[in-house]
Amino acid sequence: MASEPPIQPLPAALGLDPQRCGPQPTHLVVHEKICFSGGDFSIKDGYGQDVVVVKGKTFSIGDKRIFTTPQGQELFVMKKEHFHPIHPTWHLETPDGKKFLEVKKEWRLIGHTKLDVTFRNVAGDGGEVKLLMQGHWLKRSVDVTWNDCVVARIRKKIFTIQWMGNDTYGVEIAPGADPIMEAGDVVMTADFGE
């Protein structure tokens, strides 16, 4: 398998918090935990330090995941919208219930993933941004792009136990992108890929 070219810095900050948009690439390891509440994830940086904790509430009204800091401060909530039968949709909302990011799945061939992500770029100019997430689950890869710039590369680890949703993903994030927002993209990609 040919190696990928190094990920390049984005032309402008991209994400939800400008303080998280650093000048260096960020590497995350996202591990889906085996649990019966559904949708728990551990997200660590390249040094093994916890970055985000995700607790799933699959059997609640409107499947949801709660993203917190390792200290327990709530960052945002990811919810599945059940009233979009043609284009499955997830969204992120603030702890006080304000929706700020939406992801819609487009119908593709089996194994192919294409998601449209729309949000207000608080870290940049404040305008609306559309990201494209596309890949192929048999090849175990998804790329997140913004105007032909690679924002993140999501790669599912090959040698993980895939029993009851126990998967691990490696994520490379471009300089200038918000790694916490990209962690949310990985969790949504995992949900849409199942």
Protein backbone atom coordinates (compact mmCIF):
# COMPACT_ATOMS: atom_id res chain seq x y z
CA MET A 1 0.00 0.00 0.00
CA ALA A 2 1.42 3.37 -0.98
CA SER A 3 1.98 5.86 1.80
CA GLU A 4 -0.10 9.02 1.87
CA PRO A 5 1.43 12.47 1.41
CA PRO A 6 1.83 14.53 4.59
CA ILE A 7 -1.29 16.39 5.62
CA GLN A 8 -1.01 20.11 4.80
CA PRO A 9 -2.01 23.12 6.94
CA LEU A 10 -5.45 24.55 6.22
CA PRO A 11 -5.64 28.05 4.67
CA ALA A 12 -7.66 29.29 7.69
CA ALA A 13 -8.73 28.06 11.13
CA LEU A 14 -11.63 25.62 10.93
CA GLY A 15 -13.84 24.48 13.77
CA LEU A 16 -15.74 25.40 16.88
CA ASP A 17 -13.00 26.88 19.09
CA PRO A 18 -10.05 28.90 17.73
CA GLN A 19 -7.93 28.02 20.79
CA ARG A 20 -7.96 24.35 19.75
CA CYS A 21 -6.82 25.05 16.16
CA GLY A 22 -3.07 24.58 16.49
CA PRO A 23 -0.22 25.02 13.99
CA GLN A 24 0.79 21.33 14.04
CA PRO A 25 -0.99 18.20 12.80
CA THR A 26 -2.90 16.37 15.53
CA HIS A 27 -3.14 12.62 15.87
CA LEU A 28 -6.00 10.97 17.73
CA VAL A 29 -6.85 7.38 18.56
CA VAL A 30 -10.59 6.80 18.82
CA HIS A 31 -11.61 3.57 20.50
CA GLU A 32 -15.21 2.39 20.54
CA LYS A 33 -15.81 0.62 23.84
CA ILE A 34 -17.81 -2.54 24.33
CA CYS A 35 -20.81 -1.58 26.42
CA PHE A 36 -24.53 -2.06 26.57
CA SER A 37 -25.46 1.62 26.89
CA GLY A 38 -24.33 1.96 23.26
CA GLY A 39 -21.90 4.34 21.69
CA ASP A 40 -19.19 4.90 24.33
CA PHE A 41 -15.85 6.08 22.90
CA SER A 42 -12.47 6.93 24.35
CA ILE A 43 -10.50 9.56 22.41
CA LYS A 44 -6.80 9.96 23.14
CA ASP A 45 -4.03 12.06 21.63
CA GLY A 46 -0.84 10.64 20.14
CA TYR A 47 0.71 10.50 23.63
CA GLY A 48 -2.08 8.38 25.12
CA GLN A 49 -3.68 11.24 27.06
CA ASP A 50 -7.48 11.43 27.21
CA VAL A 51 -8.82 14.29 25.06
CA VAL A 52 -12.57 13.61 24.99
CA VAL A 53 -14.87 11.09 26.63
CA VAL A 54 -18.05 10.05 24.79
CA LYS A 55 -20.93 8.42 26.64
CA GLY A 56 -23.69 6.87 24.58
CA LYS A 57 -27.37 6.81 25.41
CA THR A 58 -28.68 4.50 22.68
CA PHE A 59 -31.94 3.62 24.38
CA SER A 60 -32.86 7.22 25.15
CA ILE A 61 -35.34 9.16 23.05
CA GLY A 62 -33.32 10.26 20.02
CA ASP A 63 -30.09 8.23 20.21
CA LYS A 64 -27.41 10.50 21.58
CA ARG A 65 -23.77 10.73 22.61
CA ILE A 66 -22.51 13.17 25.23
CA PHE A 67 -19.00 14.56 24.62
CA THR A 68 -17.14 15.73 27.74
CA THR A 69 -13.64 16.74 28.75
CA PRO A 70 -11.75 14.10 30.77
CA GLN A 71 -12.73 16.15 33.86
CA GLY A 72 -16.44 15.77 33.02
CA GLN A 73 -17.25 19.21 31.57
CA GLU A 74 -19.88 18.79 28.85
CA LEU A 75 -18.69 20.05 25.44
CA PHE A 76 -21.61 19.10 23.20
CA VAL A 77 -24.24 16.46 22.54
CA MET A 78 -24.59 14.47 19.32
CA LYS A 79 -28.17 13.43 18.48
CA LYS A 80 -29.68 11.31 15.76
CA GLU A 81 -32.68 12.84 14.02
CA HIS A 82 -35.29 10.16 13.42
CA PHE A 83 -37.46 12.13 11.00
CA HIS A 84 -35.12 11.90 7.99
CA PRO A 85 -35.82 8.45 6.50
CA ILE A 86 -34.21 9.21 3.12
CA HIS A 87 -31.08 11.01 4.35
CA PRO A 88 -30.09 9.80 7.84
CA THR A 89 -29.03 12.85 9.87
CA TRP A 90 -27.08 13.56 13.06
CA HIS A 91 -26.47 16.95 14.63
CA LEU A 92 -24.34 18.44 17.38
CA GLU A 93 -25.79 20.84 19.92
CA THR A 94 -24.47 22.91 22.80
CA PRO A 95 -25.19 21.77 26.37
CA ASP A 96 -28.09 24.26 26.44
CA GLY A 97 -29.69 22.67 23.34
CA LYS A 98 -28.63 24.95 20.45
CA LYS A 99 -27.93 23.01 17.24
CA PHE A 100 -24.65 24.11 15.62
CA LEU A 101 -23.56 21.31 13.26
CA GLU A 102 -25.45 18.90 11.01
CA VAL A 103 -24.35 15.76 9.18
CA LYS A 104 -26.45 14.16 6.44
CA LYS A 105 -25.75 10.87 4.75
CA GLU A 106 -26.21 10.57 1.01
CA TRP A 107 -27.24 7.23 -0.45
CA ARG A 108 -24.28 5.48 -2.03
CA LEU A 109 -23.30 2.01 -3.17
CA ILE A 110 -22.88 -0.56 -0.41
CA GLY A 111 -19.65 0.07 1.47
CA HIS A 112 -19.27 3.65 0.24
CA THR A 113 -19.78 6.53 2.65
CA LYS A 114 -20.57 10.13 1.75
CA LEU A 115 -21.56 12.58 4.46
CA ASP A 116 -22.22 16.31 4.17
CA VAL A 117 -21.23 18.33 7.26
CA THR A 118 -22.56 21.88 7.66
CA PHE A 119 -21.68 24.26 10.52
CA ARG A 120 -20.80 27.85 11.38
CA ASN A 121 -17.00 28.24 11.45
CA VAL A 122 -16.60 29.95 14.84
CA ALA A 123 -12.82 29.39 14.74
CA GLY A 124 -12.54 31.20 11.41
CA ASP A 125 -14.62 33.95 9.83
CA GLY A 126 -17.94 32.84 11.37
CA GLY A 127 -19.43 31.91 7.99
CA GLU A 128 -21.20 28.69 7.09
CA VAL A 129 -18.87 25.87 6.05
CA LYS A 130 -19.59 22.62 4.26
CA LEU A 131 -17.25 19.68 4.70
CA LEU A 132 -17.38 16.48 2.70
CA MET A 133 -16.67 13.14 4.35
CA GLN A 134 -16.27 10.30 1.92
CA GLY A 135 -14.60 6.95 1.81
CA HIS A 136 -15.06 3.23 1.59
CA TRP A 137 -15.59 1.01 4.61
CA LEU A 138 -14.11 -2.07 2.94
CA LYS A 139 -10.89 -0.06 2.50
CA ARG A 140 -11.35 1.19 6.08
CA SER A 141 -10.78 4.84 5.27
CA VAL A 142 -12.66 8.15 5.19
CA ASP A 143 -11.29 11.58 4.23
CA VAL A 144 -12.77 14.84 5.46
CA THR A 145 -12.25 17.68 2.96
CA TRP A 146 -13.00 21.39 2.78
CA ASN A 147 -12.71 23.02 -0.68
CA ASP A 148 -10.28 20.28 -1.80
CA CYS A 149 -8.12 20.64 1.34
CA VAL A 150 -7.78 17.55 3.51
CA VAL A 151 -9.05 18.38 7.01
CA ALA A 152 -8.70 14.87 8.47
CA ARG A 153 -7.91 11.29 7.51
CA ILE A 154 -9.81 8.62 9.40
CA ARG A 155 -8.37 5.12 9.19
CA LYS A 156 -9.98 2.13 10.85
CA LYS A 157 -7.37 -0.11 12.42
CA ILE A 158 -7.23 -3.49 10.72
CA PHE A 159 -6.32 -5.67 13.67
CA THR A 160 -9.06 -4.84 16.18
CA ILE A 161 -11.62 -7.13 17.68
CA GLN A 162 -14.86 -6.32 15.92
CA TRP A 163 -17.21 -7.90 18.38
CA MET A 164 -20.16 -5.77 19.46
CA GLY A 165 -18.75 -2.55 17.97
CA ASN A 166 -15.27 -2.67 19.47
CA ASP A 167 -13.36 -0.74 16.78
CA THR A 168 -10.33 1.54 16.83
CA TYR A 169 -9.68 4.45 14.46
CA GLY A 170 -6.52 6.43 13.83
CA VAL A 171 -7.16 10.06 12.91
CA GLU A 172 -4.72 12.54 11.40
CA ILE A 173 -5.95 16.14 11.60
CA ALA A 174 -4.57 19.03 9.55
CA PRO A 175 -2.93 22.02 11.23
CA GLY A 176 -5.63 24.66 11.71
CA ALA A 177 -8.50 22.22 12.31
CA ASP A 178 -10.30 21.77 15.63
CA PRO A 179 -9.48 18.23 16.84
CA ILE A 180 -12.52 18.06 19.15
CA MET A 181 -14.86 18.76 16.24
CA GLU A 182 -13.05 16.13 14.16
CA ALA A 183 -13.48 13.64 17.03
CA GLY A 184 -17.23 14.24 16.63
CA ASP A 185 -16.90 13.54 12.91
CA VAL A 186 -15.19 10.20 13.66
CA VAL A 187 -17.98 9.11 16.01
CA MET A 188 -20.61 10.05 13.42
CA THR A 189 -18.66 8.20 10.73
CA ALA A 190 -18.58 5.10 12.93
CA ASP A 191 -22.35 5.30 13.42
CA PHE A 192 -23.08 5.83 9.72
CA GLY A 193 -20.66 3.05 8.73
CA GLU A 194 -22.47 0.37 10.71
